[in-house]
C-alpha atoms as a PDB file:
ATOM      1  CA  UNK A   1     -27.656  66.331 -89.957  1.00  0.00           C
ATOM      2  CA  UNK A   2     -25.149  69.074 -89.456  1.00  0.00           C
ATOM      3  CA  UNK A   3     -23.171  71.663 -91.276  1.00  0.00           C
ATOM      4  CA  UNK A   4     -20.329  74.018 -90.568  1.00  0.00           C
ATOM      5  CA  UNK A   5     -20.251  77.708 -90.189  1.00  0.00           C
ATOM      6  CA  UNK A   6     -18.734  80.661 -88.503  1.00  0.00           C
ATOM      7  CA  UNK A   7     -20.624  82.892 -86.116  1.00  0.00           C
ATOM      8  CA  UNK A   8     -20.665  86.625 -86.390  1.00  0.00           C
ATOM      9  CA  UNK A   9     -21.754  89.609 -84.386  1.00  0.00           C
ATOM     10  CA  UNK A  10     -25.264  90.877 -84.239  1.00  0.00           C
ATOM     11  CA  UNK A  11     -28.312  90.707 -82.093  1.00  0.00           C
ATOM     12  CA  UNK A  12     -28.415  87.524 -80.072  1.00  0.00           C
ATOM     13  CA  UNK A  13     -31.807  85.914 -80.070  1.00  0.00           C
ATOM     14  CA  UNK A  14     -33.365  86.123 -76.641  1.00  0.00           C
ATOM     15  CA  UNK A  15     -35.204  83.306 -74.974  1.00  0.00           C
ATOM     16  CA  UNK A  16     -38.845  83.618 -75.898  1.00  0.00           C
ATOM     17  CA  UNK A  17     -41.389  80.910 -76.541  1.00  0.00           C
ATOM     18  CA  UNK A  18     -40.450  77.310 -75.874  1.00  0.00           C
ATOM     19  CA  UNK A  19     -42.980  76.139 -78.481  1.00  0.00           C
ATOM     20  CA  UNK A  20     -41.118  75.112 -81.645  1.00  0.00           C
ATOM     21  CA  UNK A  21     -44.093  75.997 -83.862  1.00  0.00           C
ATOM     22  CA  UNK A  22     -44.063  79.576 -82.523  1.00  0.00           C
ATOM     23  CA  UNK A  23     -40.504  80.029 -83.783  1.00  0.00           C
ATOM     24  CA  UNK A  24     -41.332  79.063 -87.370  1.00  0.00           C
ATOM     25  CA  UNK A  25     -40.941  82.194 -89.501  1.00  0.00           C
ATOM     26  CA  UNK A  26     -43.314  83.733 -91.967  1.00  0.00           C
ATOM     27  CA  UNK A  27     -41.751  83.692 -95.455  1.00  0.00           C
ATOM     28  CA  UNK A  28     -40.844  86.778 -97.419  1.00  0.00           C
ATOM     29  CA  UNK A  29     -43.136  87.643-100.357  1.00  0.00           C
ATOM     30  CA  UNK A  30     -42.936  85.267-103.298  1.00  0.00           C
ATOM     31  CA  UNK A  31     -42.838  81.944-101.391  1.00  0.00           C
ATOM     32  CA  UNK A  32     -45.541  79.271-101.466  1.00  0.00           C
ATOM     33  CA  UNK A  33     -46.060  76.832 -98.568  1.00  0.00           C
ATOM     34  CA  UNK A  34     -45.385  73.144 -99.158  1.00  0.00           C
ATOM     35  CA  UNK A  35     -47.950  71.888 -96.653  1.00  0.00           C
ATOM     36  CA  UNK A  36     -47.227  68.209 -97.261  1.00  0.00           C
ATOM     37  CA  UNK A  37     -43.727  68.792 -95.834  1.00  0.00           C
ATOM     38  CA  UNK A  38     -44.846  70.895 -92.860  1.00  0.00           C
ATOM     39  CA  UNK A  39     -46.070  70.020 -89.365  1.00  0.00           C
ATOM     40  CA  UNK A  40     -44.921  68.732 -86.019  1.00  0.00           C
ATOM     41  CA  UNK A  41     -42.526  65.892 -85.348  1.00  0.00           C
ATOM     42  CA  UNK A  42     -41.466  63.714 -82.471  1.00  0.00           C
ATOM     43  CA  UNK A  43     -38.101  62.025 -82.075  1.00  0.00           C
ATOM     44  CA  UNK A  44     -39.195  58.836 -83.833  1.00  0.00           C
ATOM     45  CA  UNK A  45     -40.479  60.679 -86.914  1.00  0.00           C
ATOM     46  CA  UNK A  46     -37.395  62.877 -87.082  1.00  0.00           C
ATOM     47  CA  UNK A  47     -35.040  59.898 -86.927  1.00  0.00           C
ATOM     48  CA  UNK A  48     -37.058  57.760 -89.353  1.00  0.00           C
ATOM     49  CA  UNK A  49     -38.054  60.333 -91.967  1.00  0.00           C
ATOM     50  CA  UNK A  50     -36.128  63.589 -91.693  1.00  0.00           C
ATOM     51  CA  UNK A  51     -32.589  62.903 -90.452  1.00  0.00           C
ATOM     52  CA  UNK A  52     -29.553  62.005 -92.566  1.00  0.00           C
ATOM     53  CA  UNK A  53     -27.767  60.572 -89.490  1.00  0.00           C
ATOM     54  CA  UNK A  54     -30.627  59.004 -87.495  1.00  0.00           C
ATOM     55  CA  UNK A  55     -28.678  57.167 -84.790  1.00  0.00           C
ATOM     56  CA  UNK A  56     -26.320  60.048 -84.018  1.00  0.00           C
ATOM     57  CA  UNK A  57     -29.093  62.649 -84.176  1.00  0.00           C
ATOM     58  CA  UNK A  58     -31.342  60.579 -81.908  1.00  0.00           C
ATOM     59  CA  UNK A  59     -28.596  60.191 -79.288  1.00  0.00           C
ATOM     60  CA  UNK A  60     -27.752  63.916 -79.268  1.00  0.00           C
ATOM     61  CA  UNK A  61     -31.400  65.015 -79.225  1.00  0.00           C
ATOM     62  CA  UNK A  62     -32.256  62.620 -76.374  1.00  0.00           C
ATOM     63  CA  UNK A  63     -29.261  63.830 -74.326  1.00  0.00           C
ATOM     64  CA  UNK A  64     -30.307  67.461 -74.943  1.00  0.00           C
ATOM     65  CA  UNK A  65     -33.829  66.830 -73.608  1.00  0.00           C
ATOM     66  CA  UNK A  66     -35.726  66.897 -76.909  1.00  0.00           C
ATOM     67  CA  UNK A  67     -39.418  67.597 -76.295  1.00  0.00           C
ATOM     68  CA  UNK A  68     -40.920  68.134 -79.761  1.00  0.00           C
ATOM     69  CA  UNK A  69     -40.217  69.771 -83.087  1.00  0.00           C
ATOM     70  CA  UNK A  70     -41.886  71.638 -85.906  1.00  0.00           C
ATOM     71  CA  UNK A  71     -41.031  71.949 -89.581  1.00  0.00           C
ATOM     72  CA  UNK A  72     -42.310  74.240 -92.318  1.00  0.00           C
ATOM     73  CA  UNK A  73     -41.349  74.242 -95.988  1.00  0.00           C
ATOM     74  CA  UNK A  74     -41.756  76.679 -98.879  1.00  0.00           C
ATOM     75  CA  UNK A  75     -40.806  77.023-102.530  1.00  0.00           C
ATOM     76  CA  UNK A  76     -40.143  80.229-104.387  1.00  0.00           C
ATOM     77  CA  UNK A  77     -43.189  80.847-106.580  1.00  0.00           C
ATOM     78  CA  UNK A  78     -41.101  81.242-109.740  1.00  0.00           C
ATOM     79  CA  UNK A  79     -39.107  78.103-108.863  1.00  0.00           C
ATOM     80  CA  UNK A  80     -35.456  77.335-108.312  1.00  0.00           C
ATOM     81  CA  UNK A  81     -35.397  77.612-104.500  1.00  0.00           C
ATOM     82  CA  UNK A  82     -36.872  75.444-101.749  1.00  0.00           C
ATOM     83  CA  UNK A  83     -36.614  76.364 -98.055  1.00  0.00           C
ATOM     84  CA  UNK A  84     -37.181  74.140 -95.038  1.00  0.00           C
ATOM     85  CA  UNK A  85     -37.010  75.337 -91.428  1.00  0.00           C
ATOM     86  CA  UNK A  86     -36.796  72.849 -88.560  1.00  0.00           C
ATOM     87  CA  UNK A  87     -37.225  74.003 -84.935  1.00  0.00           C
ATOM     88  CA  UNK A  88     -36.307  71.624 -82.120  1.00  0.00           C
ATOM     89  CA  UNK A  89     -37.595  72.097 -78.563  1.00  0.00           C
ATOM     90  CA  UNK A  90     -34.922  71.033 -76.070  1.00  0.00           C
ATOM     91  CA  UNK A  91     -34.524  70.869 -72.315  1.00  0.00           C
ATOM     92  CA  UNK A  92     -32.612  74.128 -71.965  1.00  0.00           C
ATOM     93  CA  UNK A  93     -30.256  76.558 -73.722  1.00  0.00           C
ATOM     94  CA  UNK A  94     -27.241  74.296 -73.069  1.00  0.00           C
ATOM     95  CA  UNK A  95     -29.053  71.457 -74.843  1.00  0.00           C
ATOM     96  CA  UNK A  96     -29.826  73.720 -77.803  1.00  0.00           C
ATOM     97  CA  UNK A  97     -26.136  74.726 -78.013  1.00  0.00           C
ATOM     98  CA  UNK A  98     -25.071  71.060 -77.925  1.00  0.00           C
ATOM     99  CA  UNK A  99     -27.456  70.201 -80.764  1.00  0.00           C
ATOM    100  CA  UNK A 100     -26.196  73.188 -82.793  1.00  0.00           C
ATOM    101  CA  UNK A 101     -22.596  72.003 -82.393  1.00  0.00           C
ATOM    102  CA  UNK A 102     -23.602  68.470 -83.405  1.00  0.00           C
ATOM    103  CA  UNK A 103     -25.247  69.707 -86.601  1.00  0.00           C
ATOM    104  CA  UNK A 104     -22.249  71.908 -87.446  1.00  0.00           C
ATOM    105  CA  UNK A 105     -19.773  69.060 -86.989  1.00  0.00           C
ATOM    106  CA  UNK A 106     -21.954  66.587 -88.917  1.00  0.00           C
ATOM    107  CA  UNK A 107     -22.142  69.043 -91.804  1.00  0.00           C
ATOM    108  CA  UNK A 108     -18.397  69.142 -92.074  1.00  0.00           C
ATOM    109  CA  UNK A 109     -17.915  65.415 -91.665  1.00  0.00           C
ATOM    110  CA  UNK A 110     -20.922  63.985 -93.529  1.00  0.00           C
ATOM    111  CA  UNK A 111     -21.560  66.627 -96.166  1.00  0.00           C
ATOM    112  CA  UNK A 112     -18.200  68.324 -96.707  1.00  0.00           C
ATOM    113  CA  UNK A 113     -19.769  71.686 -95.891  1.00  0.00           C
ATOM    114  CA  UNK A 114     -17.982  75.018 -96.205  1.00  0.00           C
ATOM    115  CA  UNK A 115     -18.585  77.659 -93.533  1.00  0.00           C
ATOM    116  CA  UNK A 116     -19.988  81.119 -94.202  1.00  0.00           C
ATOM    117  CA  UNK A 117     -20.608  84.107 -91.965  1.00  0.00           C
ATOM    118  CA  UNK A 118     -24.144  84.855 -90.786  1.00  0.00           C
ATOM    119  CA  UNK A 119     -24.376  88.607 -90.266  1.00  0.00           C
ATOM    120  CA  UNK A 120     -26.779  90.026 -87.728  1.00  0.00           C
ATOM    121  CA  UNK A 121     -27.523  86.903 -85.641  1.00  0.00           C
ATOM    122  CA  UNK A 122     -25.078  86.373 -82.786  1.00  0.00           C
ATOM    123  CA  UNK A 123     -23.944  82.774 -82.474  1.00  0.00           C
ATOM    124  CA  UNK A 124     -25.541  81.653 -85.742  1.00  0.00           C
ATOM    125  CA  UNK A 125     -23.436  79.475 -87.974  1.00  0.00           C
ATOM    126  CA  UNK A 126     -23.761  78.987 -91.722  1.00  0.00           C
ATOM    127  CA  UNK A 127     -22.656  76.188 -94.024  1.00  0.00           C
ATOM    128  CA  UNK A 128     -22.933  75.389 -97.722  1.00  0.00           C
ATOM    129  CA  UNK A 129     -22.718  72.036 -99.451  1.00  0.00           C
ATOM    130  CA  UNK A 130     -23.638  70.343-102.727  1.00  0.00           C
ATOM    131  CA  UNK A 131     -26.475  67.822-103.012  1.00  0.00           C
ATOM    132  CA  UNK A 132     -28.550  66.397-105.806  1.00  0.00           C
ATOM    133  CA  UNK A 133     -27.335  64.481-108.823  1.00  0.00           C
ATOM    134  CA  UNK A 134     -25.072  65.190-111.787  1.00  0.00           C
ATOM    135  CA  UNK A 135     -28.182  65.833-113.878  1.00  0.00           C
ATOM    136  CA  UNK A 136     -29.789  68.072-111.234  1.00  0.00           C
ATOM    137  CA  UNK A 137     -27.102  69.576-108.989  1.00  0.00           C
ATOM    138  CA  UNK A 138     -28.295  71.517-105.970  1.00  0.00           C
ATOM    139  CA  UNK A 139     -26.449  73.919-103.659  1.00  0.00           C
ATOM    140  CA  UNK A 140     -27.723  73.933-100.080  1.00  0.00           C
ATOM    141  CA  UNK A 141     -27.091  76.793 -97.660  1.00  0.00           C
ATOM    142  CA  UNK A 142     -27.826  76.038 -94.012  1.00  0.00           C
ATOM    143  CA  UNK A 143     -28.011  78.349 -91.028  1.00  0.00           C
ATOM    144  CA  UNK A 144     -27.968  76.992 -87.464  1.00  0.00           C
ATOM    145  CA  UNK A 145     -29.013  79.136 -84.533  1.00  0.00           C
ATOM    146  CA  UNK A 146     -30.270  78.817 -81.002  1.00  0.00           C
ATOM    147  CA  UNK A 147     -32.914  80.780 -79.137  1.00  0.00           C
ATOM    148  CA  UNK A 148     -33.048  79.764 -75.478  1.00  0.00           C
ATOM    149  CA  UNK A 149     -34.101  76.086 -75.433  1.00  0.00           C
ATOM    150  CA  UNK A 150     -34.820  76.069 -79.190  1.00  0.00           C
ATOM    151  CA  UNK A 151     -32.459  75.004 -81.964  1.00  0.00           C
ATOM    152  CA  UNK A 152     -33.315  76.235 -85.477  1.00  0.00           C
ATOM    153  CA  UNK A 153     -32.025  74.629 -88.681  1.00  0.00           C
ATOM    154  CA  UNK A 154     -32.727  76.613 -91.887  1.00  0.00           C
ATOM    155  CA  UNK A 155     -32.033  74.890 -95.224  1.00  0.00           C
ATOM    156  CA  UNK A 156     -32.277  76.739 -98.551  1.00  0.00           C
ATOM    157  CA  UNK A 157     -31.762  74.518-101.611  1.00  0.00           C
ATOM    158  CA  UNK A 158     -30.904  76.240-104.896  1.00  0.00           C
ATOM    159  CA  UNK A 159     -30.972  74.745-108.377  1.00  0.00           C
ATOM    160  CA  UNK A 160     -28.588  77.566-109.318  1.00  0.00           C
ATOM    161  CA  UNK A 161     -25.424  76.131-107.772  1.00  0.00           C
ATOM    162  CA  UNK A 162     -23.791  79.569-107.893  1.00  0.00           C
ATOM    163  CA  UNK A 163     -26.428  81.146-105.621  1.00  0.00           C
ATOM    164  CA  UNK A 164     -25.241  82.621-102.344  1.00  0.00           C
ATOM    165  CA  UNK A 165     -26.656  82.106 -98.840  1.00  0.00           C
ATOM    166  CA  UNK A 166     -28.893  85.212 -98.796  1.00  0.00           C
ATOM    167  CA  UNK A 167     -32.174  83.264 -98.751  1.00  0.00           C
ATOM    168  CA  UNK A 168     -31.076  81.038 -95.839  1.00  0.00           C
ATOM    169  CA  UNK A 169     -29.856  84.072 -93.894  1.00  0.00           C
ATOM    170  CA  UNK A 170     -33.154  85.929 -94.475  1.00  0.00           C
ATOM    171  CA  UNK A 171     -35.208  82.980 -93.235  1.00  0.00           C
ATOM    172  CA  UNK A 172     -32.859  82.611 -90.231  1.00  0.00           C
ATOM    173  CA  UNK A 173     -33.392  86.290 -89.351  1.00  0.00           C
ATOM    174  CA  UNK A 174     -37.132  85.775 -89.549  1.00  0.00           C
ATOM    175  CA  UNK A 175     -36.912  82.640 -87.368  1.00  0.00           C
ATOM    176  CA  UNK A 176     -34.782  84.466 -84.774  1.00  0.00           C
ATOM    177  CA  UNK A 177     -37.379  87.245 -84.611  1.00  0.00           C
ATOM    178  CA  UNK A 178     -40.332  84.812 -84.504  1.00  0.00           C
ATOM    179  CA  UNK A 179     -38.923  82.958 -81.511  1.00  0.00           C
ATOM    180  CA  UNK A 180     -38.396  86.052 -79.350  1.00  0.00           C
END
């Protein structure tokens, strides 16, 4: 899966832990963990259960030296927003950058995503797209960033289709700090 975005200035994440689970952020106040959607994943699980473009994602992740991944999900306690953060462990920083580019391009091509700026995280890219159904439209804001050999994909889904990307950007900032 991928989405489009434009990078912006800010603090570049520095290479820290290579453990994907260590780069999962703590949520801001008011979010409740969705444990059934959280945990580790290998390439087979990602392709079979989590990816929207399994064959393409598998090929890119294998070429980038995928080692393992971790995912954590939350919902806003009062409802209306769900957040999922995926962290992919890759062979090196070049592999993480290749996976980021793949997700950005896929977002444009598969999801019709629109780019947005991600302030404060150098190299991060943001994208927004519509999902859901006519009866239950959803606006998704995604932020893609790298931290050494880690690629982080933050997805914030809003039932309020007019909501901006602030929640995705906040979780991305927390993920960038967690992985240092």
